[in-house]
Amino acid sequence: MRRVGRAINRVLLGLSGAVLFGAGGAVLFGGLGLPAKWQLRLPAGWPWSRPDEVLLPAHARTRWSGQGWFWPAVIAALAVFVLLMLWWLLSQLRRHRLNEILVDSGDGEGATLRARALEGVLAAETESLEGVDRAGVLLTGRRSEPRVRALLSLAPHADPGTVVRRLSDEAVAHARRSAGLDRLPGDVRLRAVKHRPERVS
């Protein structure tokens, strides 16, 4: 499913780039007066064929401007378009979770390990540590240089320093050795679990 999403994303990026490139080329083609310079016979009604032409003729620009709904609709459409473009840009910039990790098998060929399997093992071992109520683990970075991002929910009696030290010395160290990695850096976020008060009689 993730591969399909990446493929769709690339197709959309390619189509958007092609449309913008074609539109910009057509405007530049007419703006520089190249049809007249090259003595090209363009089809009737071809837009942007001379430098003095505008992108939209006057009747197209003013056709609906007298209607009360026109400008609110234009502003709303542009706002939605800008928000969608910002969301798309942020989705391209964010770090995606790894699908697999490159493991040194010792024979020069290498092997791959499913990242979700290692994430599950890391989360299970982390939750077994004293003071950890819940653990969420995500592997990011590159296949050859993964990074651990962990979110730990700590019990009220937990010592954060001890939990982080045991996470590094035990769970992360075990994962690093089992995957044959030289290093496995990580970022840890801690939060306290809020328990509902109970009435004691």
N, C-alpha and C. Protein backbone atom coordinates (compact mmCIF):
# COMPACT_ATOMS: atom_id res chain seq x y z
N MET A 1 0.83 -1.20 0.00
CA MET A 1 0.00 0.00 0.00
C MET A 1 0.87 1.25 0.00
N ARG A 2 1.96 1.22 0.76
CA ARG A 2 2.85 2.36 0.82
C ARG A 2 3.53 2.60 -0.53
N ARG A 3 3.88 1.49 -1.23
CA ARG A 3 4.49 1.65 -2.55
C ARG A 3 3.50 2.27 -3.53
N VAL A 4 2.23 1.86 -3.46
CA VAL A 4 1.21 2.45 -4.32
C VAL A 4 1.08 3.94 -4.06
N GLY A 5 1.10 4.32 -2.77
CA GLY A 5 1.02 5.73 -2.42
C GLY A 5 2.20 6.52 -2.98
N ARG A 6 3.40 5.94 -2.89
CA ARG A 6 4.57 6.63 -3.45
C ARG A 6 4.46 6.77 -4.96
N ALA A 7 3.95 5.71 -5.62
CA ALA A 7 3.80 5.77 -7.08
C ALA A 7 2.79 6.84 -7.47
N ILE A 8 1.66 6.90 -6.76
CA ILE A 8 0.66 7.92 -7.05
C ILE A 8 1.23 9.31 -6.83
N ASN A 9 2.00 9.46 -5.76
CA ASN A 9 2.60 10.75 -5.45
C ASN A 9 3.54 11.19 -6.57
N ARG A 10 4.34 10.25 -7.08
CA ARG A 10 5.27 10.59 -8.16
C ARG A 10 4.53 10.94 -9.44
N VAL A 11 3.46 10.21 -9.73
CA VAL A 11 2.67 10.52 -10.93
C VAL A 11 2.06 11.90 -10.84
N LEU A 12 1.49 12.23 -9.66
CA LEU A 12 0.90 13.55 -9.48
C LEU A 12 1.94 14.66 -9.59
N LEU A 13 3.11 14.43 -9.01
CA LEU A 13 4.18 15.42 -9.13
C LEU A 13 4.61 15.58 -10.58
N GLY A 14 4.72 14.47 -11.31
CA GLY A 14 5.11 14.53 -12.71
C GLY A 14 4.08 15.26 -13.56
N LEU A 15 2.79 14.95 -13.34
CA LEU A 15 1.73 15.61 -14.10
C LEU A 15 1.68 17.11 -13.78
N SER A 16 1.81 17.45 -12.50
CA SER A 16 1.80 18.87 -12.13
C SER A 16 2.96 19.61 -12.78
N GLY A 17 4.13 19.00 -12.74
CA GLY A 17 5.29 19.62 -13.37
C GLY A 17 5.11 19.78 -14.87
N ALA A 18 4.54 18.75 -15.52
CA ALA A 18 4.34 18.83 -16.97
C ALA A 18 3.34 19.92 -17.34
N VAL A 19 2.24 20.04 -16.56
CA VAL A 19 1.24 21.07 -16.84
C VAL A 19 1.83 22.46 -16.65
N LEU A 20 2.56 22.67 -15.54
CA LEU A 20 3.16 23.98 -15.29
C LEU A 20 4.22 24.31 -16.32
N PHE A 21 5.00 23.32 -16.71
CA PHE A 21 6.04 23.55 -17.72
C PHE A 21 5.41 23.89 -19.06
N GLY A 22 4.34 23.16 -19.44
CA GLY A 22 3.68 23.43 -20.72
C GLY A 22 3.02 24.80 -20.75
N ALA A 23 2.32 25.16 -19.64
CA ALA A 23 1.66 26.47 -19.59
C ALA A 23 2.70 27.60 -19.62
N GLY A 24 3.76 27.44 -18.85
CA GLY A 24 4.81 28.47 -18.86
C GLY A 24 5.49 28.59 -20.21
N GLY A 25 5.71 27.46 -20.86
CA GLY A 25 6.32 27.50 -22.20
C GLY A 25 5.43 28.17 -23.22
N ALA A 26 4.10 27.91 -23.12
CA ALA A 26 3.17 28.54 -24.07
C ALA A 26 3.13 30.05 -23.88
N VAL A 27 3.10 30.50 -22.61
CA VAL A 27 3.09 31.94 -22.33
C VAL A 27 4.39 32.58 -22.80
N LEU A 28 5.51 31.95 -22.53
CA LEU A 28 6.80 32.49 -22.97
C LEU A 28 6.90 32.51 -24.49
N PHE A 29 6.36 31.48 -25.13
CA PHE A 29 6.37 31.39 -26.58
C PHE A 29 5.68 32.59 -27.21
N GLY A 30 4.50 32.95 -26.67
CA GLY A 30 3.80 34.10 -27.21
C GLY A 30 4.38 35.42 -26.74
N GLY A 31 4.83 35.46 -25.47
CA GLY A 31 5.36 36.70 -24.92
C GLY A 31 6.61 37.18 -25.63
N LEU A 32 7.41 36.27 -26.11
CA LEU A 32 8.63 36.66 -26.85
C LEU A 32 8.36 36.90 -28.32
N GLY A 33 7.11 36.70 -28.76
CA GLY A 33 6.77 36.93 -30.16
C GLY A 33 7.42 35.93 -31.10
N LEU A 34 7.66 34.72 -30.63
CA LEU A 34 8.34 33.73 -31.46
C LEU A 34 7.53 33.28 -32.67
N PRO A 35 6.18 33.19 -32.58
CA PRO A 35 5.44 32.81 -33.80
C PRO A 35 5.69 33.76 -34.97
N ALA A 36 5.74 35.08 -34.69
CA ALA A 36 5.98 36.05 -35.77
C ALA A 36 7.43 35.99 -36.24
N LYS A 37 8.36 35.83 -35.31
CA LYS A 37 9.77 35.78 -35.68
C LYS A 37 10.07 34.55 -36.52
N TRP A 38 9.45 33.44 -36.16
CA TRP A 38 9.70 32.19 -36.89
C TRP A 38 8.71 31.98 -38.03
N GLN A 39 7.80 32.97 -38.21
CA GLN A 39 6.81 32.92 -39.28
C GLN A 39 6.00 31.62 -39.22
N LEU A 40 5.48 31.36 -38.03
CA LEU A 40 4.67 30.16 -37.83
C LEU A 40 3.20 30.49 -38.02
N ARG A 41 2.49 29.59 -38.69
CA ARG A 41 1.05 29.75 -38.88
C ARG A 41 0.35 28.93 -37.79
N LEU A 42 -0.16 29.62 -36.77
CA LEU A 42 -0.82 28.95 -35.67
C LEU A 42 -2.31 28.78 -35.97
N PRO A 43 -2.94 27.77 -35.37
CA PRO A 43 -4.39 27.58 -35.59
C PRO A 43 -5.19 28.79 -35.13
N ALA A 44 -6.36 28.96 -35.71
CA ALA A 44 -7.23 30.09 -35.33
C ALA A 44 -7.64 29.95 -33.87
N GLY A 45 -7.62 31.05 -33.16
CA GLY A 45 -7.98 31.03 -31.75
C GLY A 45 -6.86 30.59 -30.83
N TRP A 46 -5.64 30.43 -31.34
CA TRP A 46 -4.50 30.03 -30.50
C TRP A 46 -4.20 31.14 -29.50
N PRO A 47 -4.18 30.83 -28.19
CA PRO A 47 -3.94 31.89 -27.19
C PRO A 47 -2.47 32.27 -27.10
N TRP A 48 -2.23 33.50 -26.67
CA TRP A 48 -0.88 33.96 -26.35
C TRP A 48 0.08 33.82 -27.53
N SER A 49 -0.33 34.36 -28.65
CA SER A 49 0.53 34.28 -29.84
C SER A 49 1.33 35.55 -30.08
N ARG A 50 0.97 36.66 -29.38
CA ARG A 50 1.68 37.93 -29.56
C ARG A 50 2.05 38.52 -28.20
N PRO A 51 3.10 39.32 -28.13
CA PRO A 51 3.50 39.90 -26.84
C PRO A 51 2.46 40.81 -26.21
N ASP A 52 1.59 41.44 -27.01
CA ASP A 52 0.62 42.38 -26.46
C ASP A 52 -0.67 41.69 -26.01
N GLU A 53 -0.77 40.38 -26.13
CA GLU A 53 -1.97 39.68 -25.70
C GLU A 53 -1.92 39.40 -24.21
N VAL A 54 -3.10 39.37 -23.61
CA VAL A 54 -3.21 39.06 -22.18
C VAL A 54 -3.58 37.60 -22.02
N LEU A 55 -3.36 37.08 -20.81
CA LEU A 55 -3.65 35.67 -20.57
C LEU A 55 -5.14 35.38 -20.68
N LEU A 56 -5.97 36.29 -20.13
CA LEU A 56 -7.42 36.11 -20.20
C LEU A 56 -8.03 37.34 -20.87
N PRO A 57 -8.87 37.17 -21.88
CA PRO A 57 -9.52 38.32 -22.50
C PRO A 57 -10.47 39.01 -21.54
N ALA A 58 -10.87 40.24 -21.88
CA ALA A 58 -11.70 41.04 -20.98
C ALA A 58 -13.03 40.37 -20.69
N HIS A 59 -13.69 39.77 -21.68
CA HIS A 59 -15.00 39.16 -21.43
C HIS A 59 -14.89 37.96 -20.50
N ALA A 60 -13.73 37.24 -20.54
CA ALA A 60 -13.55 36.11 -19.63
C ALA A 60 -13.27 36.58 -18.20
N ARG A 61 -12.57 37.73 -18.07
CA ARG A 61 -12.25 38.23 -16.74
C ARG A 61 -13.46 38.84 -16.03
N THR A 62 -14.35 39.42 -16.81
CA THR A 62 -15.46 40.16 -16.20
C THR A 62 -16.81 39.47 -16.34
N ARG A 63 -16.83 38.25 -16.82
CA ARG A 63 -18.10 37.58 -17.11
C ARG A 63 -18.96 37.42 -15.87
N TRP A 64 -18.33 36.98 -14.76
CA TRP A 64 -19.09 36.72 -13.54
C TRP A 64 -18.81 37.72 -12.42
N SER A 65 -17.98 38.71 -12.70
CA SER A 65 -17.56 39.61 -11.62
C SER A 65 -18.71 40.42 -11.03
N GLY A 66 -19.80 40.59 -11.76
CA GLY A 66 -20.93 41.32 -11.23
C GLY A 66 -21.81 40.51 -10.31
N GLN A 67 -21.61 39.19 -10.25
CA GLN A 67 -22.40 38.34 -9.38
C GLN A 67 -21.87 38.40 -7.96
N GLY A 68 -22.78 38.38 -6.98
CA GLY A 68 -22.37 38.49 -5.58
C GLY A 68 -21.58 37.30 -5.08
N TRP A 69 -21.77 36.15 -5.67
CA TRP A 69 -21.08 34.94 -5.19
C TRP A 69 -19.70 34.77 -5.80
N PHE A 70 -19.36 35.57 -6.84
CA PHE A 70 -18.15 35.29 -7.62
C PHE A 70 -16.87 35.42 -6.79
N TRP A 71 -16.65 36.60 -6.19
CA TRP A 71 -15.39 36.81 -5.47
C TRP A 71 -15.26 35.93 -4.23
N PRO A 72 -16.31 35.73 -3.41
CA PRO A 72 -16.16 34.76 -2.31
C PRO A 72 -15.80 33.37 -2.78
N ALA A 73 -16.41 32.95 -3.92
CA ALA A 73 -16.09 31.61 -4.44
C ALA A 73 -14.65 31.53 -4.91
N VAL A 74 -14.17 32.61 -5.58
CA VAL A 74 -12.78 32.62 -6.05
C VAL A 74 -11.81 32.58 -4.87
N ILE A 75 -12.07 33.40 -3.84
CA ILE A 75 -11.19 33.44 -2.67
C ILE A 75 -11.20 32.10 -1.94
N ALA A 76 -12.38 31.48 -1.79
CA ALA A 76 -12.46 30.19 -1.11
C ALA A 76 -11.72 29.12 -1.90
N ALA A 77 -11.88 29.11 -3.22
CA ALA A 77 -11.19 28.12 -4.05
C ALA A 77 -9.68 28.28 -3.96
N LEU A 78 -9.22 29.53 -4.01
CA LEU A 78 -7.77 29.76 -3.91
C LEU A 78 -7.25 29.38 -2.53
N ALA A 79 -8.02 29.65 -1.48
CA ALA A 79 -7.58 29.29 -0.13
C ALA A 79 -7.47 27.77 0.01
N VAL A 80 -8.45 27.05 -0.51
CA VAL A 80 -8.40 25.59 -0.45
C VAL A 80 -7.20 25.07 -1.25
N PHE A 81 -6.97 25.67 -2.41
CA PHE A 81 -5.84 25.24 -3.24
C PHE A 81 -4.51 25.47 -2.52
N VAL A 82 -4.35 26.63 -1.89
CA VAL A 82 -3.11 26.92 -1.16
C VAL A 82 -2.92 25.96 0.00
N LEU A 83 -3.99 25.67 0.75
CA LEU A 83 -3.88 24.74 1.87
C LEU A 83 -3.51 23.34 1.40
N LEU A 84 -4.09 22.90 0.28
CA LEU A 84 -3.74 21.59 -0.26
C LEU A 84 -2.29 21.55 -0.69
N MET A 85 -1.80 22.62 -1.31
CA MET A 85 -0.41 22.64 -1.74
C MET A 85 0.54 22.64 -0.54
N LEU A 86 0.18 23.38 0.52
CA LEU A 86 1.01 23.38 1.72
C LEU A 86 1.04 22.00 2.37
N TRP A 87 -0.14 21.34 2.42
CA TRP A 87 -0.19 19.99 2.99
C TRP A 87 0.67 19.03 2.18
N TRP A 88 0.61 19.16 0.86
CA TRP A 88 1.40 18.30 -0.02
C TRP A 88 2.89 18.55 0.18
N LEU A 89 3.28 19.84 0.29
CA LEU A 89 4.68 20.17 0.50
C LEU A 89 5.18 19.61 1.81
N LEU A 90 4.40 19.77 2.88
CA LEU A 90 4.83 19.24 4.18
C LEU A 90 4.92 17.72 4.16
N SER A 91 4.04 17.06 3.43
CA SER A 91 4.09 15.60 3.35
C SER A 91 5.35 15.14 2.61
N GLN A 92 5.88 15.98 1.70
CA GLN A 92 7.12 15.62 1.01
C GLN A 92 8.34 15.82 1.91
N LEU A 93 8.24 16.79 2.80
CA LEU A 93 9.40 17.13 3.63
C LEU A 93 9.53 16.26 4.87
N ARG A 94 8.44 15.67 5.31
CA ARG A 94 8.51 14.91 6.55
C ARG A 94 9.28 13.60 6.33
N ARG A 95 9.88 13.12 7.40
CA ARG A 95 10.64 11.88 7.33
C ARG A 95 9.68 10.69 7.38
N HIS A 96 9.81 9.82 6.40
CA HIS A 96 8.91 8.68 6.32
C HIS A 96 9.50 7.49 7.05
N ARG A 97 8.62 6.61 7.48
CA ARG A 97 9.06 5.41 8.18
C ARG A 97 9.71 4.45 7.19
N LEU A 98 10.70 3.73 7.67
CA LEU A 98 11.41 2.77 6.84
C LEU A 98 10.56 1.53 6.59
N ASN A 99 10.72 0.95 5.42
CA ASN A 99 10.08 -0.32 5.11
C ASN A 99 11.00 -1.50 5.43
N GLU A 100 12.29 -1.30 5.22
CA GLU A 100 13.25 -2.38 5.46
C GLU A 100 14.59 -1.80 5.86
N ILE A 101 15.41 -2.66 6.46
CA ILE A 101 16.75 -2.28 6.92
C ILE A 101 17.76 -3.18 6.24
N LEU A 102 18.85 -2.60 5.81
CA LEU A 102 19.92 -3.36 5.17
C LEU A 102 20.81 -3.97 6.24
N VAL A 103 20.92 -5.30 6.22
CA VAL A 103 21.67 -6.04 7.24
C VAL A 103 22.93 -6.62 6.60
N ASP A 104 24.06 -6.48 7.28
CA ASP A 104 25.31 -7.07 6.82
C ASP A 104 25.31 -8.54 7.18
N SER A 105 25.17 -9.41 6.17
CA SER A 105 25.11 -10.85 6.42
C SER A 105 26.48 -11.50 6.48
N GLY A 106 27.55 -10.74 6.23
CA GLY A 106 28.89 -11.27 6.34
C GLY A 106 29.41 -11.93 5.08
N ASP A 107 28.58 -12.12 4.06
CA ASP A 107 29.03 -12.76 2.82
C ASP A 107 29.23 -11.77 1.69
N GLY A 108 29.14 -10.49 2.00
CA GLY A 108 29.33 -9.46 0.98
C GLY A 108 28.07 -9.15 0.19
N GLU A 109 27.05 -9.96 0.33
CA GLU A 109 25.82 -9.73 -0.41
C GLU A 109 24.85 -8.84 0.35
N GLY A 110 24.71 -9.07 1.64
CA GLY A 110 23.78 -8.31 2.45
C GLY A 110 22.39 -8.91 2.41
N ALA A 111 21.57 -8.51 3.33
CA ALA A 111 20.18 -8.98 3.41
C ALA A 111 19.32 -7.83 3.91
N THR A 112 18.03 -8.03 3.83
CA THR A 112 17.11 -6.99 4.31
C THR A 112 16.24 -7.54 5.42
N LEU A 113 15.91 -6.67 6.35
CA LEU A 113 15.06 -7.01 7.49
C LEU A 113 13.87 -6.07 7.49
N ARG A 114 12.69 -6.63 7.67
CA ARG A 114 11.49 -5.80 7.72
C ARG A 114 11.57 -4.85 8.92
N ALA A 115 11.42 -3.56 8.64
CA ALA A 115 11.52 -2.57 9.71
C ALA A 115 10.41 -2.74 10.73
N ARG A 116 9.21 -3.11 10.28
CA ARG A 116 8.10 -3.26 11.22
C ARG A 116 8.35 -4.39 12.21
N ALA A 117 9.05 -5.44 11.75
CA ALA A 117 9.37 -6.53 12.67
C ALA A 117 10.30 -6.05 13.77
N LEU A 118 11.32 -5.28 13.40
CA LEU A 118 12.25 -4.76 14.40
C LEU A 118 11.56 -3.74 15.30
N GLU A 119 10.67 -2.94 14.74
CA GLU A 119 9.92 -2.00 15.55
C GLU A 119 9.07 -2.72 16.59
N GLY A 120 8.44 -3.83 16.18
CA GLY A 120 7.62 -4.58 17.12
C GLY A 120 8.43 -5.17 18.25
N VAL A 121 9.61 -5.72 17.92
CA VAL A 121 10.48 -6.29 18.95
C VAL A 121 10.97 -5.21 19.90
N LEU A 122 11.37 -4.07 19.34
CA LEU A 122 11.84 -2.96 20.16
C LEU A 122 10.74 -2.47 21.10
N ALA A 123 9.53 -2.32 20.58
CA ALA A 123 8.43 -1.83 21.40
C ALA A 123 8.10 -2.81 22.52
N ALA A 124 8.09 -4.12 22.18
CA ALA A 124 7.77 -5.13 23.19
C ALA A 124 8.81 -5.16 24.30
N GLU A 125 10.10 -5.10 23.92
CA GLU A 125 11.15 -5.13 24.94
C GLU A 125 11.15 -3.86 25.76
N THR A 126 10.84 -2.74 25.13
CA THR A 126 10.80 -1.48 25.87
C THR A 126 9.66 -1.47 26.87
N GLU A 127 8.50 -2.00 26.48
CA GLU A 127 7.36 -2.05 27.41
C GLU A 127 7.60 -3.00 28.57
N SER A 128 8.56 -3.93 28.41
CA SER A 128 8.87 -4.83 29.52
C SER A 128 9.78 -4.19 30.56
N LEU A 129 10.34 -3.01 30.23
CA LEU A 129 11.19 -2.32 31.20
C LEU A 129 10.35 -1.77 32.34
N GLU A 130 10.93 -1.80 33.53
CA GLU A 130 10.22 -1.29 34.70
C GLU A 130 9.98 0.22 34.56
N GLY A 131 8.74 0.62 34.79
CA GLY A 131 8.39 2.03 34.72
C GLY A 131 7.81 2.47 33.39
N VAL A 132 7.81 1.59 32.38
CA VAL A 132 7.27 1.94 31.07
C VAL A 132 5.87 1.36 30.96
N ASP A 133 4.90 2.21 30.78
CA ASP A 133 3.51 1.77 30.65
C ASP A 133 3.19 1.38 29.22
N ARG A 134 3.56 2.24 28.27
CA ARG A 134 3.38 1.96 26.84
C ARG A 134 4.56 2.51 26.07
N ALA A 135 4.83 1.91 24.90
CA ALA A 135 5.96 2.35 24.07
C ALA A 135 5.55 2.30 22.60
N GLY A 136 5.86 3.36 21.90
CA GLY A 136 5.69 3.41 20.45
C GLY A 136 7.04 3.64 19.80
N VAL A 137 7.39 2.79 18.83
CA VAL A 137 8.71 2.86 18.22
C VAL A 137 8.54 3.00 16.71
N LEU A 138 9.34 3.88 16.12
CA LEU A 138 9.31 4.11 14.68
C LEU A 138 10.75 4.18 14.19
N LEU A 139 11.03 3.51 13.07
CA LEU A 139 12.36 3.55 12.47
C LEU A 139 12.32 4.48 11.26
N THR A 140 13.23 5.45 11.24
CA THR A 140 13.32 6.41 10.15
C THR A 140 14.75 6.41 9.62
N GLY A 141 15.04 7.35 8.73
CA GLY A 141 16.39 7.45 8.18
C GLY A 141 16.53 6.66 6.89
N ARG A 142 17.74 6.13 6.69
CA ARG A 142 18.04 5.36 5.48
C ARG A 142 18.15 3.88 5.82
N ARG A 143 18.05 3.04 4.79
CA ARG A 143 18.11 1.58 5.01
C ARG A 143 19.42 1.17 5.68
N SER A 144 20.51 1.82 5.30
CA SER A 144 21.81 1.47 5.86
C SER A 144 22.12 2.20 7.16
N GLU A 145 21.38 3.27 7.44
CA GLU A 145 21.61 4.06 8.66
C GLU A 145 20.27 4.41 9.30
N PRO A 146 19.61 3.42 9.89
CA PRO A 146 18.30 3.71 10.51
C PRO A 146 18.46 4.47 11.81
N ARG A 147 17.38 5.15 12.19
CA ARG A 147 17.29 5.85 13.45
C ARG A 147 16.03 5.41 14.17
N VAL A 148 16.09 5.41 15.50
CA VAL A 148 14.95 5.03 16.32
C VAL A 148 14.27 6.29 16.84
N ARG A 149 12.96 6.33 16.69
CA ARG A 149 12.15 7.39 17.32
C ARG A 149 11.17 6.68 18.24
N ALA A 150 11.30 6.96 19.52
CA ALA A 150 10.49 6.26 20.52
C ALA A 150 9.69 7.26 21.34
N LEU A 151 8.44 6.90 21.61
CA LEU A 151 7.58 7.67 22.49
C LEU A 151 7.17 6.76 23.64
N LEU A 152 7.61 7.10 24.85
CA LEU A 152 7.38 6.25 26.01
C LEU A 152 6.41 6.93 26.96
N SER A 153 5.42 6.17 27.39
CA SER A 153 4.51 6.62 28.44
C SER A 153 4.97 6.00 29.75
N LEU A 154 5.37 6.84 30.68
CA LEU A 154 5.97 6.36 31.92
C LEU A 154 4.94 6.27 33.04
N ALA A 155 5.11 5.26 33.86
CA ALA A 155 4.28 5.11 35.05
C ALA A 155 4.65 6.20 36.06
N PRO A 156 3.76 6.51 37.00
CA PRO A 156 4.03 7.59 37.95
C PRO A 156 5.29 7.39 38.77
N HIS A 157 5.65 6.14 39.07
CA HIS A 157 6.81 5.88 39.92
C HIS A 157 8.11 5.78 39.13
N ALA A 158 8.08 5.92 37.80
CA ALA A 158 9.26 5.67 36.97
C ALA A 158 10.28 6.78 37.11
N ASP A 159 11.56 6.39 37.02
CA ASP A 159 12.66 7.35 36.99
C ASP A 159 13.07 7.54 35.52
N PRO A 160 12.85 8.71 34.94
CA PRO A 160 13.13 8.89 33.51
C PRO A 160 14.56 8.56 33.11
N GLY A 161 15.53 8.97 33.93
CA GLY A 161 16.92 8.71 33.60
C GLY A 161 17.21 7.22 33.52
N THR A 162 16.68 6.47 34.47
CA THR A 162 16.90 5.02 34.48
C THR A 162 16.24 4.37 33.28
N VAL A 163 15.03 4.82 32.95
CA VAL A 163 14.31 4.24 31.81
C VAL A 163 15.09 4.48 30.51
N VAL A 164 15.56 5.70 30.30
CA VAL A 164 16.29 6.01 29.07
C VAL A 164 17.59 5.22 29.01
N ARG A 165 18.30 5.11 30.14
CA ARG A 165 19.55 4.37 30.15
C ARG A 165 19.33 2.89 29.84
N ARG A 166 18.29 2.29 30.42
CA ARG A 166 18.00 0.88 30.15
C ARG A 166 17.52 0.68 28.71
N LEU A 167 16.79 1.65 28.19
CA LEU A 167 16.37 1.57 26.79
C LEU A 167 17.58 1.52 25.87
N SER A 168 18.57 2.38 26.14
CA SER A 168 19.77 2.42 25.31
C SER A 168 20.62 1.18 25.49
N ASP A 169 20.83 0.76 26.77
CA ASP A 169 21.74 -0.34 27.06
C ASP A 169 21.15 -1.72 26.77
N GLU A 170 19.82 -1.82 26.77
CA GLU A 170 19.20 -3.13 26.61
C GLU A 170 18.44 -3.23 25.28
N ALA A 171 17.29 -2.58 25.17
CA ALA A 171 16.44 -2.76 24.00
C ALA A 171 17.13 -2.32 22.71
N VAL A 172 17.66 -1.10 22.69
CA VAL A 172 18.29 -0.59 21.47
C VAL A 172 19.58 -1.36 21.16
N ALA A 173 20.36 -1.70 22.20
CA ALA A 173 21.59 -2.45 21.99
C ALA A 173 21.29 -3.84 21.43
N HIS A 174 20.25 -4.50 21.93
CA HIS A 174 19.88 -5.82 21.40
C HIS A 174 19.46 -5.71 19.93
N ALA A 175 18.66 -4.69 19.62
CA ALA A 175 18.21 -4.51 18.24
C ALA A 175 19.40 -4.22 17.32
N ARG A 176 20.34 -3.40 17.80
CA ARG A 176 21.50 -3.07 16.97
C ARG A 176 22.35 -4.31 16.68
N ARG A 177 22.57 -5.13 17.70
CA ARG A 177 23.37 -6.33 17.49
C ARG A 177 22.66 -7.35 16.61
N SER A 178 21.35 -7.51 16.81
CA SER A 178 20.63 -8.51 16.02
C SER A 178 20.55 -8.11 14.54
N ALA A 179 20.56 -6.80 14.26
CA ALA A 179 20.52 -6.35 12.87
C ALA A 179 21.90 -6.16 12.27
N GLY A 180 22.95 -6.38 13.07
CA GLY A 180 24.31 -6.24 12.57
C GLY A 180 24.69 -4.82 12.23
N LEU A 181 24.15 -3.85 12.97
CA LEU A 181 24.42 -2.45 12.71
C LEU A 181 25.55 -1.94 13.58
N ASP A 182 26.37 -1.06 13.03
CA ASP A 182 27.45 -0.46 13.81
C ASP A 182 26.91 0.52 14.84
N ARG A 183 25.88 1.22 14.49
CA ARG A 183 25.27 2.19 15.40
C ARG A 183 23.78 2.28 15.11
N LEU A 184 23.02 2.63 16.13
CA LEU A 184 21.58 2.79 16.00
C LEU A 184 21.16 3.97 16.88
N PRO A 185 21.37 5.20 16.38
CA PRO A 185 21.00 6.38 17.18
C PRO A 185 19.49 6.50 17.29
N GLY A 186 19.06 7.31 18.23
CA GLY A 186 17.62 7.46 18.42
C GLY A 186 17.25 8.72 19.15
N ASP A 187 15.98 9.04 19.06
CA ASP A 187 15.38 10.16 19.78
C ASP A 187 14.25 9.59 20.64
N VAL A 188 14.21 10.00 21.90
CA VAL A 188 13.23 9.47 22.84
C VAL A 188 12.40 10.62 23.39
N ARG A 189 11.10 10.45 23.37
CA ARG A 189 10.19 11.42 24.00
C ARG A 189 9.46 10.70 25.12
N LEU A 190 9.40 11.39 26.26
CA LEU A 190 8.78 10.80 27.44
C LEU A 190 7.53 11.59 27.81
N ARG A 191 6.55 10.87 28.28
CA ARG A 191 5.36 11.53 28.81
C ARG A 191 4.82 10.69 29.96
N ALA A 192 4.24 11.37 30.91
CA ALA A 192 3.71 10.69 32.09
C ALA A 192 2.29 10.23 31.82
N VAL A 193 1.95 9.07 32.34
CA VAL A 193 0.60 8.54 32.23
C VAL A 193 -0.26 9.15 33.32
N LYS A 194 -1.40 9.69 32.93
CA LYS A 194 -2.32 10.28 33.90
C LYS A 194 -3.39 9.26 34.25
N HIS A 195 -3.39 8.85 35.51
CA HIS A 195 -4.39 7.90 35.97
C HIS A 195 -5.58 8.64 36.59
N ARG A 196 -6.75 8.09 36.37
CA ARG A 196 -7.94 8.69 36.99
C ARG A 196 -7.92 8.47 38.49
N PRO A 197 -8.29 9.46 39.26
CA PRO A 197 -8.29 9.28 40.73
C PRO A 197 -9.35 8.28 41.14
N GLU A 198 -9.00 7.50 42.14
CA GLU A 198 -9.93 6.50 42.66
C GLU A 198 -10.29 6.84 44.09
N ARG A 199 -11.55 6.62 44.44
CA ARG A 199 -12.01 6.92 45.79
C ARG A 199 -11.63 5.74 46.70
N VAL A 200 -11.04 6.07 47.81
CA VAL A 200 -10.64 5.05 48.79
C VAL A 200 -11.55 5.19 50.00
N SER A 201 -12.19 4.09 50.37
CA SER A 201 -13.10 4.14 51.52
C SER A 201 -12.40 3.65 52.77
